[in-house]
């Protein structure tokens, strides 16, 4: 089964990492909450329960360690390979295993309208002050590891969908990592290169009797608004990466829908969020996707159950 060969390769990769580094990766992935690992067995158990993309793309996983492992498995590296490239190469390695069974590619249908995530056509809301926002790139697929991938047996559309699906998984993880570090000096965080200059955002915050609505019309005001939300409410965004929905339109736009929970400090959930993105590949920058529009809805726990409002 695909799951078995995937976990087998992940276990082989983790075997090459020292125990103290594995524990650091656990703390990073689980955000230092009540979950920790003191032994190698505990660390490996916790890490192997995570999706492959989330584990490999974690900032504590060294790109050099991942590259060495893939080279040992037959990867011929190209120049300027990124972490995203290596995650895609690891996926290719999994698919090249004799016991791998490819699951059918499914595009999750999304309705064109959603009351919580409606795209506002009126821009009457107050704009925030400029800041700077970050670009997400879909890099070219690295050199195939073995001929067992049999690229000629799949149509170009199927290969493109698989690559796009993998990119969206990386995008979902990467975006919220950058958002959670927004405003922290010295951290890798969002900047305007991740957005089209005319990117728009519709924001809705529901908290008890209070409702906040905001509309932004460009990338700088969008980022300033996101920064204000983080600072004012001290929020940590934890996306549910196991249920990311997406759909590619005939005109090339890709809609992505992500949900998750809102946290304040360790062990305290204060709400939930839903966010919809419209992504488009930049025709003047090869394999670079940017955010054209995003609709963001946040709801405090007292509207879900009894709890703290935002």
C-alpha atoms as a PDB file:
ATOM      1  CA  UNK A   1       0.000   0.000   0.000  1.00  0.00           C
ATOM      2  CA  UNK A   2       1.043   3.626  -0.563  1.00  0.00           C
ATOM      3  CA  UNK A   3       0.865   4.310   3.182  1.00  0.00           C
ATOM      4  CA  UNK A   4       3.278   1.483   4.032  1.00  0.00           C
ATOM      5  CA  UNK A   5       6.015   2.505   1.602  1.00  0.00           C
ATOM      6  CA  UNK A   6       5.589   6.152   2.560  1.00  0.00           C
ATOM      7  CA  UNK A   7       6.096   5.485   6.268  1.00  0.00           C
ATOM      8  CA  UNK A   8       8.958   3.103   5.512  1.00  0.00           C
ATOM      9  CA  UNK A   9      10.842   5.807   3.630  1.00  0.00           C
ATOM     10  CA  UNK A  10      10.052   8.416   6.283  1.00  0.00           C
ATOM     11  CA  UNK A  11      11.413   6.051   8.937  1.00  0.00           C
ATOM     12  CA  UNK A  12      14.606   5.603   6.921  1.00  0.00           C
ATOM     13  CA  UNK A  13      14.925   9.386   6.643  1.00  0.00           C
ATOM     14  CA  UNK A  14      14.384   9.895  10.395  1.00  0.00           C
ATOM     15  CA  UNK A  15      17.009   7.219  11.137  1.00  0.00           C
ATOM     16  CA  UNK A  16      19.626   9.623   9.787  1.00  0.00           C
ATOM     17  CA  UNK A  17      18.711  12.419  12.214  1.00  0.00           C
ATOM     18  CA  UNK A  18      20.057  12.657  15.748  1.00  0.00           C
ATOM     19  CA  UNK A  19      17.629  12.189  18.644  1.00  0.00           C
ATOM     20  CA  UNK A  20      17.894  15.743  19.965  1.00  0.00           C
ATOM     21  CA  UNK A  21      17.121  17.104  16.485  1.00  0.00           C
ATOM     22  CA  UNK A  22      14.084  14.829  16.213  1.00  0.00           C
ATOM     23  CA  UNK A  23      12.787  16.213  19.513  1.00  0.00           C
ATOM     24  CA  UNK A  24      13.242  19.769  18.195  1.00  0.00           C
ATOM     25  CA  UNK A  25      11.208  18.887  15.097  1.00  0.00           C
ATOM     26  CA  UNK A  26       8.447  17.475  17.341  1.00  0.00           C
ATOM     27  CA  UNK A  27       8.326  20.695  19.369  1.00  0.00           C
ATOM     28  CA  UNK A  28       8.194  22.760  16.179  1.00  0.00           C
ATOM     29  CA  UNK A  29       5.423  20.727  14.524  1.00  0.00           C
ATOM     30  CA  UNK A  30       3.306  20.540  17.667  1.00  0.00           C
ATOM     31  CA  UNK A  31       4.048  24.201  18.478  1.00  0.00           C
ATOM     32  CA  UNK A  32       5.513  23.399  21.875  1.00  0.00           C
ATOM     33  CA  UNK A  33       2.102  22.662  23.444  1.00  0.00           C
ATOM     34  CA  UNK A  34       1.497  19.889  25.908  1.00  0.00           C
ATOM     35  CA  UNK A  35       3.057  17.381  23.497  1.00  0.00           C
ATOM     36  CA  UNK A  36       6.767  16.668  23.838  1.00  0.00           C
ATOM     37  CA  UNK A  37       9.182  13.811  23.240  1.00  0.00           C
ATOM     38  CA  UNK A  38      12.038  12.733  25.480  1.00  0.00           C
ATOM     39  CA  UNK A  39      13.054   9.540  23.711  1.00  0.00           C
ATOM     40  CA  UNK A  40      13.804   8.663  20.122  1.00  0.00           C
ATOM     41  CA  UNK A  41      10.920   6.175  20.016  1.00  0.00           C
ATOM     42  CA  UNK A  42       8.411   8.806  21.166  1.00  0.00           C
ATOM     43  CA  UNK A  43       9.746  11.369  18.691  1.00  0.00           C
ATOM     44  CA  UNK A  44       9.554   8.969  15.747  1.00  0.00           C
ATOM     45  CA  UNK A  45       6.038   7.867  16.708  1.00  0.00           C
ATOM     46  CA  UNK A  46       4.803  11.464  16.824  1.00  0.00           C
ATOM     47  CA  UNK A  47       6.541  12.447  13.582  1.00  0.00           C
ATOM     48  CA  UNK A  48       5.401   9.406  11.606  1.00  0.00           C
ATOM     49  CA  UNK A  49       1.802  10.303  12.486  1.00  0.00           C
ATOM     50  CA  UNK A  50       2.159  13.559  10.544  1.00  0.00           C
ATOM     51  CA  UNK A  51       1.562  14.042   6.798  1.00  0.00           C
ATOM     52  CA  UNK A  52       4.761  13.694   4.791  1.00  0.00           C
ATOM     53  CA  UNK A  53       4.611  17.225   3.385  1.00  0.00           C
ATOM     54  CA  UNK A  54       4.076  18.776   6.801  1.00  0.00           C
ATOM     55  CA  UNK A  55       7.023  16.879   8.271  1.00  0.00           C
ATOM     56  CA  UNK A  56       9.510  17.487   5.464  1.00  0.00           C
ATOM     57  CA  UNK A  57       8.603  21.150   4.975  1.00  0.00           C
ATOM     58  CA  UNK A  58       9.024  21.959   8.671  1.00  0.00           C
ATOM     59  CA  UNK A  59      11.658  24.621   9.245  1.00  0.00           C
ATOM     60  CA  UNK A  60      13.553  22.381  11.686  1.00  0.00           C
ATOM     61  CA  UNK A  61      14.155  19.766   8.983  1.00  0.00           C
ATOM     62  CA  UNK A  62      17.457  20.745   7.418  1.00  0.00           C
ATOM     63  CA  UNK A  63      17.411  20.981   3.634  1.00  0.00           C
ATOM     64  CA  UNK A  64      20.935  19.495   3.501  1.00  0.00           C
ATOM     65  CA  UNK A  65      19.817  16.410   5.455  1.00  0.00           C
ATOM     66  CA  UNK A  66      16.868  15.904   3.124  1.00  0.00           C
ATOM     67  CA  UNK A  67      19.034  16.406   0.026  1.00  0.00           C
ATOM     68  CA  UNK A  68      21.637  13.863   1.209  1.00  0.00           C
ATOM     69  CA  UNK A  69      18.942  11.283   1.846  1.00  0.00           C
ATOM     70  CA  UNK A  70      17.426  11.746  -1.622  1.00  0.00           C
ATOM     71  CA  UNK A  71      20.847  11.564  -3.275  1.00  0.00           C
ATOM     72  CA  UNK A  72      21.424   8.256  -1.466  1.00  0.00           C
ATOM     73  CA  UNK A  73      18.184   7.054  -3.088  1.00  0.00           C
ATOM     74  CA  UNK A  74      19.280   8.031  -6.585  1.00  0.00           C
ATOM     75  CA  UNK A  75      18.255  11.661  -6.984  1.00  0.00           C
ATOM     76  CA  UNK A  76      20.368  13.647  -9.432  1.00  0.00           C
ATOM     77  CA  UNK A  77      20.222  17.151  -7.916  1.00  0.00           C
ATOM     78  CA  UNK A  78      19.937  20.292  -9.989  1.00  0.00           C
ATOM     79  CA  UNK A  79      21.267  23.711  -9.049  1.00  0.00           C
ATOM     80  CA  UNK A  80      19.294  25.979  -6.727  1.00  0.00           C
ATOM     81  CA  UNK A  81      16.954  23.242  -5.502  1.00  0.00           C
ATOM     82  CA  UNK A  82      14.523  24.469  -2.839  1.00  0.00           C
ATOM     83  CA  UNK A  83      12.810  22.684   0.053  1.00  0.00           C
ATOM     84  CA  UNK A  84       9.655  22.543  -2.084  1.00  0.00           C
ATOM     85  CA  UNK A  85      11.632  20.799  -4.864  1.00  0.00           C
ATOM     86  CA  UNK A  86      12.936  18.214  -2.414  1.00  0.00           C
ATOM     87  CA  UNK A  87       9.453  17.555  -1.004  1.00  0.00           C
ATOM     88  CA  UNK A  88       8.267  16.852  -4.542  1.00  0.00           C
ATOM     89  CA  UNK A  89      11.291  14.614  -5.112  1.00  0.00           C
ATOM     90  CA  UNK A  90      10.431  12.650  -1.957  1.00  0.00           C
ATOM     91  CA  UNK A  91       6.916  12.169  -3.316  1.00  0.00           C
ATOM     92  CA  UNK A  92       8.418  10.860  -6.566  1.00  0.00           C
ATOM     93  CA  UNK A  93      10.558   8.465  -4.545  1.00  0.00           C
ATOM     94  CA  UNK A  94       7.470   7.113  -2.778  1.00  0.00           C
ATOM     95  CA  UNK A  95       5.675   6.620  -6.090  1.00  0.00           C
ATOM     96  CA  UNK A  96       8.659   4.729  -7.495  1.00  0.00           C
ATOM     97  CA  UNK A  97       8.449   1.996  -4.846  1.00  0.00           C
ATOM     98  CA  UNK A  98       7.361  -1.483  -6.072  1.00  0.00           C
ATOM     99  CA  UNK A  99       4.621  -1.709  -3.420  1.00  0.00           C
ATOM    100  CA  UNK A 100       3.192   1.742  -4.141  1.00  0.00           C
ATOM    101  CA  UNK A 101      -0.438   1.818  -5.263  1.00  0.00           C
ATOM    102  CA  UNK A 102      -1.458   5.138  -6.744  1.00  0.00           C
ATOM    103  CA  UNK A 103      -4.743   6.540  -5.370  1.00  0.00           C
ATOM    104  CA  UNK A 104      -7.129   8.117  -7.902  1.00  0.00           C
ATOM    105  CA  UNK A 105      -6.720  11.882  -8.382  1.00  0.00           C
ATOM    106  CA  UNK A 106      -9.825  13.678  -7.166  1.00  0.00           C
ATOM    107  CA  UNK A 107     -10.646  17.356  -7.418  1.00  0.00           C
ATOM    108  CA  UNK A 108     -12.934  18.449  -4.614  1.00  0.00           C
ATOM    109  CA  UNK A 109     -15.845  20.447  -5.944  1.00  0.00           C
ATOM    110  CA  UNK A 110     -16.424  23.819  -4.339  1.00  0.00           C
ATOM    111  CA  UNK A 111     -19.539  25.904  -4.612  1.00  0.00           C
ATOM    112  CA  UNK A 112     -19.185  29.250  -6.293  1.00  0.00           C
ATOM    113  CA  UNK A 113     -20.768  31.041  -3.355  1.00  0.00           C
ATOM    114  CA  UNK A 114     -20.272  30.828   0.377  1.00  0.00           C
ATOM    115  CA  UNK A 115     -21.943  33.204   2.807  1.00  0.00           C
ATOM    116  CA  UNK A 116     -18.967  33.156   5.150  1.00  0.00           C
ATOM    117  CA  UNK A 117     -16.455  33.708   2.359  1.00  0.00           C
ATOM    118  CA  UNK A 118     -18.361  35.887  -0.085  1.00  0.00           C
ATOM    119  CA  UNK A 119     -16.127  38.060  -2.269  1.00  0.00           C
ATOM    120  CA  UNK A 120     -17.088  41.664  -1.656  1.00  0.00           C
ATOM    121  CA  UNK A 121     -17.643  43.701  -4.803  1.00  0.00           C
ATOM    122  CA  UNK A 122     -18.021  46.963  -2.860  1.00  0.00           C
ATOM    123  CA  UNK A 123     -14.939  48.555  -1.397  1.00  0.00           C
ATOM    124  CA  UNK A 124     -16.485  50.976   1.077  1.00  0.00           C
ATOM    125  CA  UNK A 125     -14.633  49.733   4.139  1.00  0.00           C
ATOM    126  CA  UNK A 126     -11.732  51.591   5.715  1.00  0.00           C
ATOM    127  CA  UNK A 127      -8.313  50.699   4.344  1.00  0.00           C
ATOM    128  CA  UNK A 128      -5.393  49.905   6.601  1.00  0.00           C
ATOM    129  CA  UNK A 129      -1.942  51.430   6.350  1.00  0.00           C
ATOM    130  CA  UNK A 130       0.626  49.851   4.009  1.00  0.00           C
ATOM    131  CA  UNK A 131       2.866  47.024   5.116  1.00  0.00           C
ATOM    132  CA  UNK A 132       4.697  44.441   3.057  1.00  0.00           C
ATOM    133  CA  UNK A 133       3.363  40.739   2.105  1.00  0.00           C
ATOM    134  CA  UNK A 134       5.149  36.998   0.609  1.00  0.00           C
ATOM    135  CA  UNK A 135       5.088  34.951  -2.750  1.00  0.00           C
ATOM    136  CA  UNK A 136       4.596  31.238  -2.954  1.00  0.00           C
ATOM    137  CA  UNK A 137       6.378  29.468  -5.765  1.00  0.00           C
ATOM    138  CA  UNK A 138       5.590  26.206  -7.466  1.00  0.00           C
ATOM    139  CA  UNK A 139       9.035  25.120  -8.590  1.00  0.00           C
ATOM    140  CA  UNK A 140       9.706  22.760 -11.523  1.00  0.00           C
ATOM    141  CA  UNK A 141       9.573  19.058 -10.659  1.00  0.00           C
ATOM    142  CA  UNK A 142      13.089  17.770  -9.896  1.00  0.00           C
ATOM    143  CA  UNK A 143      14.731  15.124 -12.049  1.00  0.00           C
ATOM    144  CA  UNK A 144      12.825  11.813 -11.625  1.00  0.00           C
ATOM    145  CA  UNK A 145      14.570   9.409  -9.278  1.00  0.00           C
ATOM    146  CA  UNK A 146      13.959   6.246 -11.303  1.00  0.00           C
ATOM    147  CA  UNK A 147      12.265   5.171 -14.483  1.00  0.00           C
ATOM    148  CA  UNK A 148       9.750   3.258 -12.357  1.00  0.00           C
ATOM    149  CA  UNK A 149       7.614   6.406 -12.310  1.00  0.00           C
ATOM    150  CA  UNK A 150       6.588   5.591 -15.902  1.00  0.00           C
ATOM    151  CA  UNK A 151       5.714   9.165 -16.914  1.00  0.00           C
ATOM    152  CA  UNK A 152       4.449   8.072 -20.320  1.00  0.00           C
ATOM    153  CA  UNK A 153       1.582   6.086 -18.775  1.00  0.00           C
ATOM    154  CA  UNK A 154      -0.087   9.248 -17.471  1.00  0.00           C
ATOM    155  CA  UNK A 155      -1.584  12.118 -19.388  1.00  0.00           C
ATOM    156  CA  UNK A 156      -0.117  15.567 -19.057  1.00  0.00           C
ATOM    157  CA  UNK A 157      -3.304  16.721 -17.324  1.00  0.00           C
ATOM    158  CA  UNK A 158      -2.928  14.012 -14.670  1.00  0.00           C
ATOM    159  CA  UNK A 159       0.723  14.915 -14.095  1.00  0.00           C
ATOM    160  CA  UNK A 160      -0.134  18.625 -13.861  1.00  0.00           C
ATOM    161  CA  UNK A 161      -2.936  17.904 -11.376  1.00  0.00           C
ATOM    162  CA  UNK A 162      -0.635  15.805  -9.198  1.00  0.00           C
ATOM    163  CA  UNK A 163       1.995  18.526  -9.203  1.00  0.00           C
ATOM    164  CA  UNK A 164      -0.624  21.173  -8.445  1.00  0.00           C
ATOM    165  CA  UNK A 165      -2.112  19.096  -5.639  1.00  0.00           C
ATOM    166  CA  UNK A 166       1.316  18.706  -4.040  1.00  0.00           C
ATOM    167  CA  UNK A 167       1.968  22.426  -4.414  1.00  0.00           C
ATOM    168  CA  UNK A 168      -1.330  23.300  -2.722  1.00  0.00           C
ATOM    169  CA  UNK A 169      -0.428  21.073   0.242  1.00  0.00           C
ATOM    170  CA  UNK A 170       2.898  22.871   0.566  1.00  0.00           C
ATOM    171  CA  UNK A 171       1.232  26.260   0.083  1.00  0.00           C
ATOM    172  CA  UNK A 172      -1.275  25.598   2.875  1.00  0.00           C
ATOM    173  CA  UNK A 173       1.476  24.735   5.353  1.00  0.00           C
ATOM    174  CA  UNK A 174       3.862  27.449   4.163  1.00  0.00           C
ATOM    175  CA  UNK A 175       1.330  30.309   4.225  1.00  0.00           C
ATOM    176  CA  UNK A 176       0.357  29.865   7.876  1.00  0.00           C
ATOM    177  CA  UNK A 177       3.963  29.359   8.943  1.00  0.00           C
ATOM    178  CA  UNK A 178       4.727  32.737   7.389  1.00  0.00           C
ATOM    179  CA  UNK A 179       1.550  34.302   8.823  1.00  0.00           C
ATOM    180  CA  UNK A 180       2.332  33.096  12.352  1.00  0.00           C
ATOM    181  CA  UNK A 181       5.793  34.678  12.099  1.00  0.00           C
ATOM    182  CA  UNK A 182       4.422  37.946  10.714  1.00  0.00           C
ATOM    183  CA  UNK A 183       5.751  40.867  12.729  1.00  0.00           C
ATOM    184  CA  UNK A 184       8.532  38.836  14.392  1.00  0.00           C
ATOM    185  CA  UNK A 185      11.919  40.402  13.566  1.00  0.00           C
ATOM    186  CA  UNK A 186      14.410  38.030  11.976  1.00  0.00           C
ATOM    187  CA  UNK A 187      11.739  35.494  11.014  1.00  0.00           C
ATOM    188  CA  UNK A 188      10.844  34.385   7.509  1.00  0.00           C
ATOM    189  CA  UNK A 189       7.428  35.967   7.001  1.00  0.00           C
ATOM    190  CA  UNK A 190       4.893  37.251   4.504  1.00  0.00           C
ATOM    191  CA  UNK A 191       5.840  40.115   2.220  1.00  0.00           C
ATOM    192  CA  UNK A 192       4.320  41.707  -0.874  1.00  0.00           C
ATOM    193  CA  UNK A 193       6.022  39.245  -3.220  1.00  0.00           C
ATOM    194  CA  UNK A 194       3.469  36.583  -2.226  1.00  0.00           C
ATOM    195  CA  UNK A 195       0.601  38.706  -3.540  1.00  0.00           C
ATOM    196  CA  UNK A 196      -0.394  40.382  -6.747  1.00  0.00           C
ATOM    197  CA  UNK A 197      -0.147  44.129  -6.344  1.00  0.00           C
ATOM    198  CA  UNK A 198      -3.922  44.491  -6.777  1.00  0.00           C
ATOM    199  CA  UNK A 199      -4.736  41.594  -4.420  1.00  0.00           C
ATOM    200  CA  UNK A 200      -7.981  42.069  -2.483  1.00  0.00           C
ATOM    201  CA  UNK A 201      -9.093  40.715   0.877  1.00  0.00           C
ATOM    202  CA  UNK A 202     -12.493  40.520   2.551  1.00  0.00           C
ATOM    203  CA  UNK A 203     -12.280  40.015   6.324  1.00  0.00           C
ATOM    204  CA  UNK A 204     -15.028  39.061   8.769  1.00  0.00           C
ATOM    205  CA  UNK A 205     -14.481  38.578  12.518  1.00  0.00           C
ATOM    206  CA  UNK A 206     -17.411  37.307  14.582  1.00  0.00           C
ATOM    207  CA  UNK A 207     -16.947  37.578  18.347  1.00  0.00           C
ATOM    208  CA  UNK A 208     -19.923  37.558  20.688  1.00  0.00           C
ATOM    209  CA  UNK A 209     -21.985  40.666  19.986  1.00  0.00           C
ATOM    210  CA  UNK A 210     -19.162  42.256  18.033  1.00  0.00           C
ATOM    211  CA  UNK A 211     -18.698  41.906  14.308  1.00  0.00           C
ATOM    212  CA  UNK A 212     -15.783  43.361  12.374  1.00  0.00           C
ATOM    213  CA  UNK A 213     -15.763  43.730   8.606  1.00  0.00           C
ATOM    214  CA  UNK A 214     -12.792  44.947   6.603  1.00  0.00           C
ATOM    215  CA  UNK A 215     -11.983  45.164   2.910  1.00  0.00           C
ATOM    216  CA  UNK A 216      -8.507  45.706   1.458  1.00  0.00           C
ATOM    217  CA  UNK A 217      -7.746  46.564  -2.155  1.00  0.00           C
ATOM    218  CA  UNK A 218      -4.021  45.944  -2.513  1.00  0.00           C
ATOM    219  CA  UNK A 219      -1.227  43.774  -1.188  1.00  0.00           C
ATOM    220  CA  UNK A 220       0.225  46.286   1.258  1.00  0.00           C
ATOM    221  CA  UNK A 221      -3.074  47.037   2.988  1.00  0.00           C
ATOM    222  CA  UNK A 222      -3.863  43.305   3.072  1.00  0.00           C
ATOM    223  CA  UNK A 223      -0.639  42.578   4.936  1.00  0.00           C
ATOM    224  CA  UNK A 224      -1.055  45.484   7.294  1.00  0.00           C
ATOM    225  CA  UNK A 225      -4.527  44.194   8.132  1.00  0.00           C
ATOM    226  CA  UNK A 226      -3.206  40.677   8.815  1.00  0.00           C
ATOM    227  CA  UNK A 227      -0.454  42.120  10.997  1.00  0.00           C
ATOM    228  CA  UNK A 228      -3.016  44.131  12.966  1.00  0.00           C
ATOM    229  CA  UNK A 229      -5.121  41.023  13.606  1.00  0.00           C
ATOM    230  CA  UNK A 230      -2.127  39.096  14.949  1.00  0.00           C
ATOM    231  CA  UNK A 231      -0.965  41.920  17.208  1.00  0.00           C
ATOM    232  CA  UNK A 232      -4.378  42.938  18.535  1.00  0.00           C
ATOM    233  CA  UNK A 233      -5.601  39.421  19.309  1.00  0.00           C
ATOM    234  CA  UNK A 234      -2.267  37.573  19.810  1.00  0.00           C
ATOM    235  CA  UNK A 235      -3.478  34.776  17.546  1.00  0.00           C
ATOM    236  CA  UNK A 236      -1.773  31.622  16.374  1.00  0.00           C
ATOM    237  CA  UNK A 237      -3.332  30.039  13.269  1.00  0.00           C
ATOM    238  CA  UNK A 238      -3.401  26.231  13.155  1.00  0.00           C
ATOM    239  CA  UNK A 239      -4.737  25.017   9.774  1.00  0.00           C
ATOM    240  CA  UNK A 240      -6.345  21.594   9.316  1.00  0.00           C
ATOM    241  CA  UNK A 241      -4.036  20.393   6.559  1.00  0.00           C
ATOM    242  CA  UNK A 242      -5.798  17.058   6.183  1.00  0.00           C
ATOM    243  CA  UNK A 243      -8.854  18.616   4.532  1.00  0.00           C
ATOM    244  CA  UNK A 244      -7.640  21.302   2.138  1.00  0.00           C
ATOM    245  CA  UNK A 245     -10.157  21.758  -0.695  1.00  0.00           C
ATOM    246  CA  UNK A 246      -9.213  23.111  -4.094  1.00  0.00           C
ATOM    247  CA  UNK A 247     -10.508  23.515  -7.618  1.00  0.00           C
ATOM    248  CA  UNK A 248      -8.849  24.726 -10.791  1.00  0.00           C
ATOM    249  CA  UNK A 249     -10.977  26.826 -13.117  1.00  0.00           C
ATOM    250  CA  UNK A 250     -10.767  26.740 -16.905  1.00  0.00           C
ATOM    251  CA  UNK A 251      -9.255  30.243 -16.975  1.00  0.00           C
ATOM    252  CA  UNK A 252      -6.310  29.154 -14.814  1.00  0.00           C
ATOM    253  CA  UNK A 253      -7.419  30.468 -11.434  1.00  0.00           C
ATOM    254  CA  UNK A 254      -7.111  28.015  -8.542  1.00  0.00           C
ATOM    255  CA  UNK A 255      -9.497  28.270  -5.594  1.00  0.00           C
ATOM    256  CA  UNK A 256      -8.220  26.936  -2.288  1.00  0.00           C
ATOM    257  CA  UNK A 257     -10.296  26.565   0.889  1.00  0.00           C
ATOM    258  CA  UNK A 258      -8.629  25.982   4.275  1.00  0.00           C
ATOM    259  CA  UNK A 259     -10.107  25.765   7.766  1.00  0.00           C
ATOM    260  CA  UNK A 260      -8.491  25.603  11.166  1.00  0.00           C
ATOM    261  CA  UNK A 261      -8.454  26.751  14.780  1.00  0.00           C
ATOM    262  CA  UNK A 262      -7.305  29.938  16.510  1.00  0.00           C
ATOM    263  CA  UNK A 263      -5.058  29.759  19.569  1.00  0.00           C
ATOM    264  CA  UNK A 264      -3.817  32.165  22.240  1.00  0.00           C
ATOM    265  CA  UNK A 265      -0.873  30.808  24.172  1.00  0.00           C
ATOM    266  CA  UNK A 266      -0.373  27.147  25.053  1.00  0.00           C
ATOM    267  CA  UNK A 267      -3.440  24.958  25.446  1.00  0.00           C
ATOM    268  CA  UNK A 268      -6.039  27.654  24.733  1.00  0.00           C
ATOM    269  CA  UNK A 269      -8.302  27.562  21.685  1.00  0.00           C
ATOM    270  CA  UNK A 270     -10.252  30.792  21.221  1.00  0.00           C
ATOM    271  CA  UNK A 271     -12.003  30.193  17.910  1.00  0.00           C
ATOM    272  CA  UNK A 272     -11.948  28.822  14.396  1.00  0.00           C
ATOM    273  CA  UNK A 273     -11.269  30.238  10.971  1.00  0.00           C
ATOM    274  CA  UNK A 274     -12.039  29.602   7.330  1.00  0.00           C
ATOM    275  CA  UNK A 275     -10.017  31.130   4.531  1.00  0.00           C
ATOM    276  CA  UNK A 276     -10.443  31.003   0.790  1.00  0.00           C
ATOM    277  CA  UNK A 277      -7.694  31.933  -1.663  1.00  0.00           C
ATOM    278  CA  UNK A 278      -7.722  32.575  -5.372  1.00  0.00           C
ATOM    279  CA  UNK A 279      -4.269  31.823  -6.795  1.00  0.00           C
ATOM    280  CA  UNK A 280      -2.942  32.513 -10.268  1.00  0.00           C
ATOM    281  CA  UNK A 281       0.387  31.662 -11.859  1.00  0.00           C
ATOM    282  CA  UNK A 282       2.347  34.786 -12.766  1.00  0.00           C
ATOM    283  CA  UNK A 283       2.926  34.575 -16.563  1.00  0.00           C
ATOM    284  CA  UNK A 284       6.012  36.805 -16.261  1.00  0.00           C
ATOM    285  CA  UNK A 285       7.663  34.670 -13.568  1.00  0.00           C
ATOM    286  CA  UNK A 286       7.839  31.003 -14.533  1.00  0.00           C
ATOM    287  CA  UNK A 287       6.271  28.563 -12.035  1.00  0.00           C
ATOM    288  CA  UNK A 288       5.463  31.326  -9.555  1.00  0.00           C
ATOM    289  CA  UNK A 289       1.973  31.443  -8.075  1.00  0.00           C
ATOM    290  CA  UNK A 290       0.651  34.485  -6.241  1.00  0.00           C
ATOM    291  CA  UNK A 291      -2.457  35.308  -4.237  1.00  0.00           C
ATOM    292  CA  UNK A 292      -5.020  37.314  -6.204  1.00  0.00           C
ATOM    293  CA  UNK A 293      -7.804  37.328  -3.621  1.00  0.00           C
ATOM    294  CA  UNK A 294      -8.431  35.992  -0.132  1.00  0.00           C
ATOM    295  CA  UNK A 295     -11.556  35.912   2.021  1.00  0.00           C
ATOM    296  CA  UNK A 296     -10.970  35.422   5.727  1.00  0.00           C
ATOM    297  CA  UNK A 297     -13.613  34.560   8.337  1.00  0.00           C
ATOM    298  CA  UNK A 298     -12.829  34.147  12.039  1.00  0.00           C
ATOM    299  CA  UNK A 299     -15.341  33.072  14.667  1.00  0.00           C
ATOM    300  CA  UNK A 300     -14.848  33.122  18.440  1.00  0.00           C
ATOM    301  CA  UNK A 301     -15.517  30.076  20.591  1.00  0.00           C
ATOM    302  CA  UNK A 302     -18.626  31.549  22.238  1.00  0.00           C
ATOM    303  CA  UNK A 303     -20.369  31.284  18.878  1.00  0.00           C
ATOM    304  CA  UNK A 304     -19.360  27.609  18.668  1.00  0.00           C
ATOM    305  CA  UNK A 305     -19.684  26.667  22.346  1.00  0.00           C
ATOM    306  CA  UNK A 306     -19.191  28.546  25.615  1.00  0.00           C
ATOM    307  CA  UNK A 307     -15.765  30.137  25.799  1.00  0.00           C
ATOM    308  CA  UNK A 308     -13.610  33.204  25.341  1.00  0.00           C
ATOM    309  CA  UNK A 309     -14.379  35.775  22.676  1.00  0.00           C
ATOM    310  CA  UNK A 310     -11.763  37.299  20.453  1.00  0.00           C
END
